[in-house]
PDB file of all heavy atoms in Angstrom:
ATOM      1  N   ALA A   1       5.192  21.307 -14.083  1.00  0.00           N
ATOM      2  CA  ALA A   1       6.209  22.143 -13.442  1.00  0.00           C
ATOM      3  C   ALA A   1       6.659  21.583 -12.097  1.00  0.00           C
ATOM      4  O   ALA A   1       7.850  21.551 -11.799  1.00  0.00           O
ATOM      5  CB  ALA A   1       5.682  23.571 -13.283  1.00  0.00           C
ATOM      6  N   GLU A   2       5.720  21.124 -11.268  1.00  0.00           N
ATOM      7  CA  GLU A   2       6.098  20.660  -9.935  1.00  0.00           C
ATOM      8  C   GLU A   2       6.877  19.343  -9.966  1.00  0.00           C
ATOM      9  O   GLU A   2       7.546  18.995  -9.000  1.00  0.00           O
ATOM     10  CB  GLU A   2       4.868  20.522  -9.039  1.00  0.00           C
ATOM     11  CG  GLU A   2       3.984  19.345  -9.349  1.00  0.00           C
ATOM     12  CD  GLU A   2       2.944  19.110  -8.258  1.00  0.00           C
ATOM     13  OE1 GLU A   2       2.982  19.810  -7.236  1.00  0.00           O
ATOM     14  OE2 GLU A   2       2.089  18.223  -8.451  1.00  0.00           O
ATOM     15  N   LEU A   3       6.788  18.597 -11.089  1.00  0.00           N
ATOM     16  CA  LEU A   3       7.507  17.327 -11.204  1.00  0.00           C
ATOM     17  C   LEU A   3       8.840  17.472 -11.927  1.00  0.00           C
ATOM     18  O   LEU A   3       9.662  16.556 -11.913  1.00  0.00           O
ATOM     19  CB  LEU A   3       6.644  16.292 -11.938  1.00  0.00           C
ATOM     20  CG  LEU A   3       5.304  15.943 -11.282  1.00  0.00           C
ATOM     21  CD1 LEU A   3       4.557  14.916 -12.129  1.00  0.00           C
ATOM     22  CD2 LEU A   3       5.507  15.426  -9.865  1.00  0.00           C
ATOM     23  N   GLY A   4       9.053  18.617 -12.594  1.00  0.00           N
ATOM     24  CA  GLY A   4      10.304  18.829 -13.314  1.00  0.00           C
ATOM     25  C   GLY A   4      10.217  18.393 -14.762  1.00  0.00           C
ATOM     26  O   GLY A   4       9.273  17.709 -15.172  1.00  0.00           O
ATOM     27  N   PRO A   5      11.194  18.746 -15.574  1.00  0.00           N
ATOM     28  CA  PRO A   5      11.139  18.499 -17.021  1.00  0.00           C
ATOM     29  C   PRO A   5      11.362  17.046 -17.410  1.00  0.00           C
ATOM     30  O   PRO A   5      11.121  16.669 -18.556  1.00  0.00           O
ATOM     31  CB  PRO A   5      12.257  19.387 -17.565  1.00  0.00           C
ATOM     32  CG  PRO A   5      13.253  19.457 -16.450  1.00  0.00           C
ATOM     33  CD  PRO A   5      12.427  19.457 -15.182  1.00  0.00           C
ATOM     34  N   ASP A   6      11.838  16.216 -16.496  1.00  0.00           N
ATOM     35  CA  ASP A   6      12.200  14.840 -16.842  1.00  0.00           C
ATOM     36  C   ASP A   6      11.108  13.818 -16.526  1.00  0.00           C
ATOM     37  O   ASP A   6      11.332  12.610 -16.663  1.00  0.00           O
ATOM     38  CB  ASP A   6      13.489  14.432 -16.113  1.00  0.00           C
ATOM     39  CG  ASP A   6      14.658  15.326 -16.489  1.00  0.00           C
ATOM     40  OD1 ASP A   6      14.739  15.702 -17.684  1.00  0.00           O
ATOM     41  OD2 ASP A   6      15.473  15.661 -15.609  1.00  0.00           O
ATOM     42  N   ALA A   7       9.952  14.276 -16.110  1.00  0.00           N
ATOM     43  CA  ALA A   7       8.855  13.344 -15.804  1.00  0.00           C
ATOM     44  C   ALA A   7       8.268  12.827 -17.119  1.00  0.00           C
ATOM     45  O   ALA A   7       7.627  13.564 -17.857  1.00  0.00           O
ATOM     46  CB  ALA A   7       7.788  14.041 -14.977  1.00  0.00           C
ATOM     47  N   ASP A   8       8.497  11.546 -17.408  1.00  0.00           N
ATOM     48  CA  ASP A   8       8.028  10.971 -18.661  1.00  0.00           C
ATOM     49  C   ASP A   8       6.580  10.482 -18.516  1.00  0.00           C
ATOM     50  O   ASP A   8       6.007  10.519 -17.424  1.00  0.00           O
ATOM     51  CB  ASP A   8       8.950   9.825 -19.096  1.00  0.00           C
ATOM     52  CG  ASP A   8       9.062   8.723 -18.052  1.00  0.00           C
ATOM     53  OD1 ASP A   8       8.140   8.600 -17.222  1.00  0.00           O
ATOM     54  OD2 ASP A   8      10.067   7.996 -18.052  1.00  0.00           O
ATOM     55  N   PRO A   9       5.955  10.036 -19.636  1.00  0.00           N
ATOM     56  CA  PRO A   9       4.553   9.580 -19.557  1.00  0.00           C
ATOM     57  C   PRO A   9       4.314   8.495 -18.513  1.00  0.00           C
ATOM     58  O   PRO A   9       3.266   8.479 -17.857  1.00  0.00           O
ATOM     59  CB  PRO A   9       4.291   9.056 -20.976  1.00  0.00           C
ATOM     60  CG  PRO A   9       5.195   9.873 -21.836  1.00  0.00           C
ATOM     61  CD  PRO A   9       6.432  10.084 -21.023  1.00  0.00           C
ATOM     62  N   PHE A  10       5.269   7.581 -18.322  1.00  0.00           N
ATOM     63  CA  PHE A  10       5.106   6.534 -17.318  1.00  0.00           C
ATOM     64  C   PHE A  10       4.967   7.151 -15.926  1.00  0.00           C
ATOM     65  O   PHE A  10       4.103   6.751 -15.137  1.00  0.00           O
ATOM     66  CB  PHE A  10       6.294   5.576 -17.346  1.00  0.00           C
ATOM     67  CG  PHE A  10       6.279   4.578 -16.218  1.00  0.00           C
ATOM     68  CD1 PHE A  10       5.430   3.470 -16.258  1.00  0.00           C
ATOM     69  CD2 PHE A  10       7.100   4.739 -15.110  1.00  0.00           C
ATOM     70  CE1 PHE A  10       5.391   2.560 -15.216  1.00  0.00           C
ATOM     71  CE2 PHE A  10       7.078   3.828 -14.063  1.00  0.00           C
ATOM     72  CZ  PHE A  10       6.224   2.735 -14.124  1.00  0.00           C
ATOM     73  N   MET A  11       5.798   8.134 -15.615  1.00  0.00           N
ATOM     74  CA  MET A  11       5.732   8.785 -14.315  1.00  0.00           C
ATOM     75  C   MET A  11       4.414   9.528 -14.136  1.00  0.00           C
ATOM     76  O   MET A  11       3.815   9.513 -13.058  1.00  0.00           O
ATOM     77  CB  MET A  11       6.914   9.742 -14.139  1.00  0.00           C
ATOM     78  CG  MET A  11       8.249   9.062 -13.953  1.00  0.00           C
ATOM     79  SD  MET A  11       9.578  10.260 -13.747  1.00  0.00           S
ATOM     80  CE  MET A  11       9.102  11.070 -12.227  1.00  0.00           C
ATOM     81  N   LEU A  12       3.942  10.177 -15.200  1.00  0.00           N
ATOM     82  CA  LEU A  12       2.673  10.898 -15.110  1.00  0.00           C
ATOM     83  C   LEU A  12       1.523   9.933 -14.829  1.00  0.00           C
ATOM     84  O   LEU A  12       0.644  10.221 -14.017  1.00  0.00           O
ATOM     85  CB  LEU A  12       2.413  11.669 -16.407  1.00  0.00           C
ATOM     86  CG  LEU A  12       3.420  12.766 -16.767  1.00  0.00           C
ATOM     87  CD1 LEU A  12       2.962  13.515 -18.010  1.00  0.00           C
ATOM     88  CD2 LEU A  12       3.615  13.737 -15.614  1.00  0.00           C
ATOM     89  N   HIS A  13       1.531   8.785 -15.503  1.00  0.00           N
ATOM     90  CA  HIS A  13       0.510   7.773 -15.233  1.00  0.00           C
ATOM     91  C   HIS A  13       0.603   7.287 -13.785  1.00  0.00           C
ATOM     92  O   HIS A  13      -0.412   7.080 -13.113  1.00  0.00           O
ATOM     93  CB  HIS A  13       0.688   6.571 -16.179  1.00  0.00           C
ATOM     94  CG  HIS A  13       0.108   6.780 -17.530  1.00  0.00           C
ATOM     95  ND1 HIS A  13       0.855   7.222 -18.605  1.00  0.00           N
ATOM     96  CD2 HIS A  13      -1.150   6.634 -17.999  1.00  0.00           C
ATOM     97  CE1 HIS A  13       0.083   7.323 -19.671  1.00  0.00           C
ATOM     98  NE2 HIS A  13      -1.128   6.979 -19.333  1.00  0.00           N
ATOM     99  N   LEU A  14       1.828   7.089 -13.315  1.00  0.00           N
ATOM    100  CA  LEU A  14       2.037   6.586 -11.955  1.00  0.00           C
ATOM    101  C   LEU A  14       1.515   7.575 -10.916  1.00  0.00           C
ATOM    102  O   LEU A  14       0.782   7.194  -9.994  1.00  0.00           O
ATOM    103  CB  LEU A  14       3.525   6.312 -11.731  1.00  0.00           C
ATOM    104  CG  LEU A  14       3.911   5.750 -10.363  1.00  0.00           C
ATOM    105  CD1 LEU A  14       3.218   4.418 -10.127  1.00  0.00           C
ATOM    106  CD2 LEU A  14       5.430   5.581 -10.272  1.00  0.00           C
ATOM    107  N   TYR A  15       1.873   8.843 -11.067  1.00  0.00           N
ATOM    108  CA  TYR A  15       1.398   9.858 -10.123  1.00  0.00           C
ATOM    109  C   TYR A  15      -0.123   9.965 -10.152  1.00  0.00           C
ATOM    110  O   TYR A  15      -0.770  10.096  -9.109  1.00  0.00           O
ATOM    111  CB  TYR A  15       2.023  11.221 -10.445  1.00  0.00           C
ATOM    112  CG  TYR A  15       3.423  11.394  -9.922  1.00  0.00           C
ATOM    113  CD1 TYR A  15       4.508  11.437 -10.789  1.00  0.00           C
ATOM    114  CD2 TYR A  15       3.671  11.529  -8.557  1.00  0.00           C
ATOM    115  CE1 TYR A  15       5.806  11.594 -10.307  1.00  0.00           C
ATOM    116  CE2 TYR A  15       4.953  11.691  -8.075  1.00  0.00           C
ATOM    117  CZ  TYR A  15       6.022  11.716  -8.950  1.00  0.00           C
ATOM    118  OH  TYR A  15       7.293  11.870  -8.472  1.00  0.00           O
ATOM    119  N   ALA A  16      -0.704   9.905 -11.354  1.00  0.00           N
ATOM    120  CA  ALA A  16      -2.162   9.987 -11.468  1.00  0.00           C
ATOM    121  C   ALA A  16      -2.825   8.782 -10.796  1.00  0.00           C
ATOM    122  O   ALA A  16      -3.845   8.913 -10.121  1.00  0.00           O
ATOM    123  CB  ALA A  16      -2.575  10.071 -12.938  1.00  0.00           C
ATOM    124  N   ALA A  17      -2.234   7.600 -10.985  1.00  0.00           N
ATOM    125  CA  ALA A  17      -2.790   6.388 -10.378  1.00  0.00           C
ATOM    126  C   ALA A  17      -2.721   6.459  -8.856  1.00  0.00           C
ATOM    127  O   ALA A  17      -3.664   6.056  -8.158  1.00  0.00           O
ATOM    128  CB  ALA A  17      -2.034   5.161 -10.883  1.00  0.00           C
ATOM    129  N   LEU A  18      -1.618   6.966  -8.329  1.00  0.00           N
ATOM    130  CA  LEU A  18      -1.482   7.090  -6.877  1.00  0.00           C
ATOM    131  C   LEU A  18      -2.516   8.068  -6.316  1.00  0.00           C
ATOM    132  O   LEU A  18      -3.120   7.820  -5.271  1.00  0.00           O
ATOM    133  CB  LEU A  18      -0.062   7.555  -6.527  1.00  0.00           C
ATOM    134  CG  LEU A  18       1.049   6.525  -6.741  1.00  0.00           C
ATOM    135  CD1 LEU A  18       2.422   7.169  -6.547  1.00  0.00           C
ATOM    136  CD2 LEU A  18       0.882   5.343  -5.799  1.00  0.00           C
ATOM    137  N   ALA A  19      -2.707   9.181  -7.022  1.00  0.00           N
ATOM    138  CA  ALA A  19      -3.687  10.169  -6.569  1.00  0.00           C
ATOM    139  C   ALA A  19      -5.094   9.589  -6.603  1.00  0.00           C
ATOM    140  O   ALA A  19      -5.906   9.814  -5.698  1.00  0.00           O
ATOM    141  CB  ALA A  19      -3.607  11.419  -7.454  1.00  0.00           C
ATOM    142  N   GLU A  20      -5.396   8.813  -7.659  1.00  0.00           N
ATOM    143  CA  GLU A  20      -6.712   8.202  -7.777  1.00  0.00           C
ATOM    144  C   GLU A  20      -6.948   7.191  -6.654  1.00  0.00           C
ATOM    145  O   GLU A  20      -8.033   7.108  -6.071  1.00  0.00           O
ATOM    146  CB  GLU A  20      -6.836   7.530  -9.142  1.00  0.00           C
ATOM    147  CG  GLU A  20      -8.256   7.113  -9.492  1.00  0.00           C
ATOM    148  CD  GLU A  20      -8.365   6.627 -10.920  1.00  0.00           C
ATOM    149  OE1 GLU A  20      -8.545   7.461 -11.832  1.00  0.00           O
ATOM    150  OE2 GLU A  20      -8.264   5.409 -11.133  1.00  0.00           O
ATOM    151  N   LYS A  21      -5.913   6.400  -6.344  1.00  0.00           N
ATOM    152  CA  LYS A  21      -6.011   5.418  -5.278  1.00  0.00           C
ATOM    153  C   LYS A  21      -6.228   6.097  -3.930  1.00  0.00           C
ATOM    154  O   LYS A  21      -7.043   5.658  -3.106  1.00  0.00           O
ATOM    155  CB  LYS A  21      -4.743   4.571  -5.234  1.00  0.00           C
ATOM    156  CG  LYS A  21      -4.747   3.483  -4.162  1.00  0.00           C
ATOM    157  CD  LYS A  21      -5.833   2.452  -4.402  1.00  0.00           C
ATOM    158  CE  LYS A  21      -5.745   1.309  -3.424  1.00  0.00           C
ATOM    159  NZ  LYS A  21      -6.842   0.332  -3.594  1.00  0.00           N
ATOM    160  N   GLU A  22      -5.531   7.192  -3.704  1.00  0.00           N
ATOM    161  CA  GLU A  22      -5.676   7.927  -2.441  1.00  0.00           C
ATOM    162  C   GLU A  22      -7.095   8.446  -2.277  1.00  0.00           C
ATOM    163  O   GLU A  22      -7.690   8.350  -1.198  1.00  0.00           O
ATOM    164  CB  GLU A  22      -4.683   9.087  -2.403  1.00  0.00           C
ATOM    165  CG  GLU A  22      -4.747   9.880  -1.097  1.00  0.00           C
ATOM    166  CD  GLU A  22      -3.820  11.074  -1.111  1.00  0.00           C
ATOM    167  OE1 GLU A  22      -3.329  11.445  -2.188  1.00  0.00           O
ATOM    168  OE2 GLU A  22      -3.601  11.652  -0.035  1.00  0.00           O
ATOM    169  N   ARG A  23      -7.677   8.971  -3.362  1.00  0.00           N
ATOM    170  CA  ARG A  23      -9.052   9.468  -3.290  1.00  0.00           C
ATOM    171  C   ARG A  23     -10.030   8.329  -2.988  1.00  0.00           C
ATOM    172  O   ARG A  23     -10.978   8.501  -2.232  1.00  0.00           O
ATOM    173  CB  ARG A  23      -9.436  10.157  -4.609  1.00  0.00           C
ATOM    174  CG  ARG A  23      -8.780  11.494  -4.819  1.00  0.00           C
ATOM    175  CD  ARG A  23      -9.451  12.262  -5.953  1.00  0.00           C
ATOM    176  NE  ARG A  23      -9.518  11.480  -7.176  1.00  0.00           N
ATOM    177  CZ  ARG A  23      -8.548  11.369  -8.050  1.00  0.00           C
ATOM    178  NH1 ARG A  23      -7.399  11.985  -7.828  1.00  0.00           N
ATOM    179  NH2 ARG A  23      -8.694  10.658  -9.158  1.00  0.00           N
ATOM    180  N   ALA A  24      -9.785   7.150  -3.603  1.00  0.00           N
ATOM    181  CA  ALA A  24     -10.656   5.998  -3.361  1.00  0.00           C
ATOM    182  C   ALA A  24     -10.581   5.560  -1.901  1.00  0.00           C
ATOM    183  O   ALA A  24     -11.605   5.223  -1.289  1.00  0.00           O
ATOM    184  CB  ALA A  24     -10.269   4.846  -4.286  1.00  0.00           C
ATOM    185  N   LEU A  25      -9.377   5.572  -1.319  1.00  0.00           N
ATOM    186  CA  LEU A  25      -9.216   5.177   0.081  1.00  0.00           C
ATOM    187  C   LEU A  25      -9.912   6.160   1.013  1.00  0.00           C
ATOM    188  O   LEU A  25     -10.564   5.764   1.983  1.00  0.00           O
ATOM    189  CB  LEU A  25      -7.724   5.088   0.426  1.00  0.00           C
ATOM    190  CG  LEU A  25      -6.957   3.918  -0.211  1.00  0.00           C
ATOM    191  CD1 LEU A  25      -5.465   4.048   0.074  1.00  0.00           C
ATOM    192  CD2 LEU A  25      -7.483   2.580   0.302  1.00  0.00           C
ATOM    193  N   ILE A  26      -9.786   7.462   0.705  1.00  0.00           N
ATOM    194  CA  ILE A  26     -10.449   8.484   1.527  1.00  0.00           C
ATOM    195  C   ILE A  26     -11.963   8.298   1.471  1.00  0.00           C
ATOM    196  O   ILE A  26     -12.660   8.363   2.487  1.00  0.00           O
ATOM    197  CB  ILE A  26     -10.059   9.895   1.049  1.00  0.00           C
ATOM    198  CG1 ILE A  26      -8.578  10.171   1.380  1.00  0.00           C
ATOM    199  CG2 ILE A  26     -10.945  10.957   1.702  1.00  0.00           C
ATOM    200  CD1 ILE A  26      -8.051  11.445   0.773  1.00  0.00           C
ATOM    201  N   SER A  27     -12.478   8.033   0.272  1.00  0.00           N
ATOM    202  CA  SER A  27     -13.917   7.830   0.110  1.00  0.00           C
ATOM    203  C   SER A  27     -14.390   6.606   0.887  1.00  0.00           C
ATOM    204  O   SER A  27     -15.433   6.636   1.555  1.00  0.00           O
ATOM    205  CB  SER A  27     -14.241   7.669  -1.385  1.00  0.00           C
ATOM    206  OG  SER A  27     -15.613   7.425  -1.565  1.00  0.00           O
ATOM    207  N   ALA A  28     -13.599   5.518   0.820  1.00  0.00           N
ATOM    208  CA  ALA A  28     -13.967   4.289   1.532  1.00  0.00           C
ATOM    209  C   ALA A  28     -13.952   4.510   3.041  1.00  0.00           C
ATOM    210  O   ALA A  28     -14.848   4.049   3.758  1.00  0.00           O
ATOM    211  CB  ALA A  28     -13.011   3.166   1.150  1.00  0.00           C
ATOM    212  N   ARG A  29     -12.947   5.225   3.539  1.00  0.00           N
ATOM    213  CA  ARG A  29     -12.865   5.495   4.980  1.00  0.00           C
ATOM    214  C   ARG A  29     -14.036   6.353   5.435  1.00  0.00           C
ATOM    215  O   ARG A  29     -14.570   6.169   6.532  1.00  0.00           O
ATOM    216  CB  ARG A  29     -11.530   6.175   5.313  1.00  0.00           C
ATOM    217  CG  ARG A  29     -10.336   5.223   5.281  1.00  0.00           C
ATOM    218  CD  ARG A  29      -9.144   5.832   5.962  1.00  0.00           C
ATOM    219  NE  ARG A  29      -8.619   6.982   5.240  1.00  0.00           N
ATOM    220  CZ  ARG A  29      -7.642   6.922   4.341  1.00  0.00           C
ATOM    221  NH1 ARG A  29      -7.085   5.765   4.044  1.00  0.00           N
ATOM    222  NH2 ARG A  29      -7.218   8.005   3.740  1.00  0.00           N
ATOM    223  N   THR A  30     -14.436   7.314   4.597  1.00  0.00           N
ATOM    224  CA  THR A  30     -15.579   8.169   4.939  1.00  0.00           C
ATOM    225  C   THR A  30     -16.856   7.345   5.032  1.00  0.00           C
ATOM    226  O   THR A  30     -17.643   7.497   5.975  1.00  0.00           O
ATOM    227  CB  THR A  30     -15.742   9.288   3.888  1.00  0.00           C
ATOM    228  OG1 THR A  30     -14.544  10.070   3.833  1.00  0.00           O
ATOM    229  CG2 THR A  30     -16.918  10.185   4.239  1.00  0.00           C
ATOM    230  N   ARG A  31     -17.065   6.449   4.062  1.00  0.00           N
ATOM    231  CA  ARG A  31     -18.260   5.600   4.085  1.00  0.00           C
ATOM    232  C   ARG A  31     -18.273   4.701   5.325  1.00  0.00           C
ATOM    233  O   ARG A  31     -19.305   4.533   5.973  1.00  0.00           O
ATOM    234  CB  ARG A  31     -18.322   4.747   2.814  1.00  0.00           C
ATOM    235  CG  ARG A  31     -18.717   5.514   1.554  1.00  0.00           C
ATOM    236  CD  ARG A  31     -19.136   4.558   0.447  1.00  0.00           C
ATOM    237  NE  ARG A  31     -18.071   3.603   0.129  1.00  0.00           N
ATOM    238  CZ  ARG A  31     -17.123   3.817  -0.780  1.00  0.00           C
ATOM    239  NH1 ARG A  31     -17.115   4.967  -1.454  1.00  0.00           N
ATOM    240  NH2 ARG A  31     -16.205   2.903  -1.025  1.00  0.00           N
ATOM    241  N   ASP A  32     -17.116   4.137   5.647  1.00  0.00           N
ATOM    242  CA  ASP A  32     -17.028   3.257   6.822  1.00  0.00           C
ATOM    243  C   ASP A  32     -17.329   4.023   8.108  1.00  0.00           C
ATOM    244  O   ASP A  32     -18.005   3.519   9.011  1.00  0.00           O
ATOM    245  CB  ASP A  32     -15.636   2.622   6.908  1.00  0.00           C
ATOM    246  CG  ASP A  32     -15.400   1.604   5.800  1.00  0.00           C
ATOM    247  OD1 ASP A  32     -16.394   1.178   5.173  1.00  0.00           O
ATOM    248  OD2 ASP A  32     -14.229   1.262   5.550  1.00  0.00           O
ATOM    249  N   ALA A  33     -16.809   5.258   8.178  1.00  0.00           N
ATOM    250  CA  ALA A  33     -17.030   6.074   9.374  1.00  0.00           C
ATOM    251  C   ALA A  33     -18.513   6.413   9.529  1.00  0.00           C
ATOM    252  O   ALA A  33     -19.063   6.389  10.635  1.00  0.00           O
ATOM    253  CB  ALA A  33     -16.196   7.340   9.301  1.00  0.00           C
ATOM    254  N   LEU A  34     -19.176   6.737   8.425  1.00  0.00           N
ATOM    255  CA  LEU A  34     -20.601   7.054   8.473  1.00  0.00           C
ATOM    256  C   LEU A  34     -21.418   5.828   8.887  1.00  0.00           C
ATOM    257  O   LEU A  34     -22.378   5.918   9.647  1.00  0.00           O
ATOM    258  CB  LEU A  34     -21.075   7.562   7.107  1.00  0.00           C
ATOM    259  CG  LEU A  34     -20.568   8.953   6.706  1.00  0.00           C
ATOM    260  CD1 LEU A  34     -20.969   9.275   5.273  1.00  0.00           C
ATOM    261  CD2 LEU A  34     -21.091  10.017   7.659  1.00  0.00           C
ATOM    262  N   LYS A  35     -21.012   4.648   8.346  1.00  0.00           N
ATOM    263  CA  LYS A  35     -21.698   3.402   8.710  1.00  0.00           C
ATOM    264  C   LYS A  35     -21.576   3.130  10.203  1.00  0.00           C
ATOM    265  O   LYS A  35     -22.536   2.761  10.874  1.00  0.00           O
ATOM    266  CB  LYS A  35     -21.064   2.250   7.921  1.00  0.00           C
ATOM    267  CG  LYS A  35     -22.021   1.585   6.962  1.00  0.00           C
ATOM    268  CD  LYS A  35     -21.357   0.391   6.316  1.00  0.00           C
ATOM    269  CE  LYS A  35     -21.520   0.533   4.828  1.00  0.00           C
ATOM    270  NZ  LYS A  35     -20.980  -0.619   4.088  1.00  0.00           N
ATOM    271  N   ALA A  36     -20.356   3.304  10.717  1.00  0.00           N
ATOM    272  CA  ALA A  36     -20.112   3.049  12.143  1.00  0.00           C
ATOM    273  C   ALA A  36     -20.906   4.023  13.001  1.00  0.00           C
ATOM    274  O   ALA A  36     -21.475   3.653  14.032  1.00  0.00           O
ATOM    275  CB  ALA A  36     -18.621   3.165  12.443  1.00  0.00           C
ATOM    276  N   ALA A  37     -20.968   5.281  12.587  1.00  0.00           N
ATOM    277  CA  ALA A  37     -21.709   6.283  13.345  1.00  0.00           C
ATOM    278  C   ALA A  37     -23.196   5.947  13.382  1.00  0.00           C
ATOM    279  O   ALA A  37     -23.854   6.048  14.417  1.00  0.00           O
ATOM    280  CB  ALA A  37     -21.488   7.667  12.735  1.00  0.00           C
ATOM    281  N   LYS A  38     -23.720   5.523  12.223  1.00  0.00           N
ATOM    282  CA  LYS A  38     -25.146   5.159  12.156  1.00  0.00           C
ATOM    283  C   LYS A  38     -25.434   3.951  13.043  1.00  0.00           C
ATOM    284  O   LYS A  38     -26.469   3.891  13.730  1.00  0.00           O
ATOM    285  CB  LYS A  38     -25.516   4.859  10.704  1.00  0.00           C
ATOM    286  CG  LYS A  38     -27.013   4.691  10.480  1.00  0.00           C
ATOM    287  CD  LYS A  38     -27.331   4.539   8.999  1.00  0.00           C
ATOM    288  CE  LYS A  38     -28.834   4.419   8.777  1.00  0.00           C
ATOM    289  NZ  LYS A  38     -29.160   4.283   7.341  1.00  0.00           N
ATOM    290  N   ALA A  39     -24.515   2.959  13.039  1.00  0.00           N
ATOM    291  CA  ALA A  39     -24.694   1.769  13.872  1.00  0.00           C
ATOM    292  C   ALA A  39     -24.684   2.114  15.349  1.00  0.00           C
ATOM    293  O   ALA A  39     -25.310   1.432  16.170  1.00  0.00           O
ATOM    294  CB  ALA A  39     -23.594   0.755  13.564  1.00  0.00           C
ATOM    295  N   ASN A  40     -23.991   3.186  15.735  1.00  0.00           N
ATOM    296  CA  ASN A  40     -23.912   3.614  17.132  1.00  0.00           C
ATOM    297  C   ASN A  40     -25.050   4.565  17.511  1.00  0.00           C
ATOM    298  O   ASN A  40     -25.028   5.181  18.582  1.00  0.00           O
ATOM    299  CB  ASN A  40     -22.570   4.278  17.405  1.00  0.00           C
ATOM    300  CG  ASN A  40     -21.426   3.281  17.385  1.00  0.00           C
ATOM    301  OD1 ASN A  40     -21.610   2.109  17.727  1.00  0.00           O
ATOM    302  ND2 ASN A  40     -20.245   3.741  16.983  1.00  0.00           N
ATOM    303  N   GLY A  41     -26.006   4.728  16.600  1.00  0.00           N
ATOM    304  CA  GLY A  41     -27.178   5.531  16.925  1.00  0.00           C
ATOM    305  C   GLY A  41     -27.050   7.002  16.598  1.00  0.00           C
ATOM    306  O   GLY A  41     -27.926   7.792  16.949  1.00  0.00           O
TER     307      GLY A  41
END
């Protein structure tokens, strides 16, 4: 519904891939931040 009736399978795959990539980046940034915090004591 939020994408409209013309979103074809290619678009659905694309949106899903972008969302998956965003989650991976957030997870990586969180791990890096925790590592940096631990290194700083």
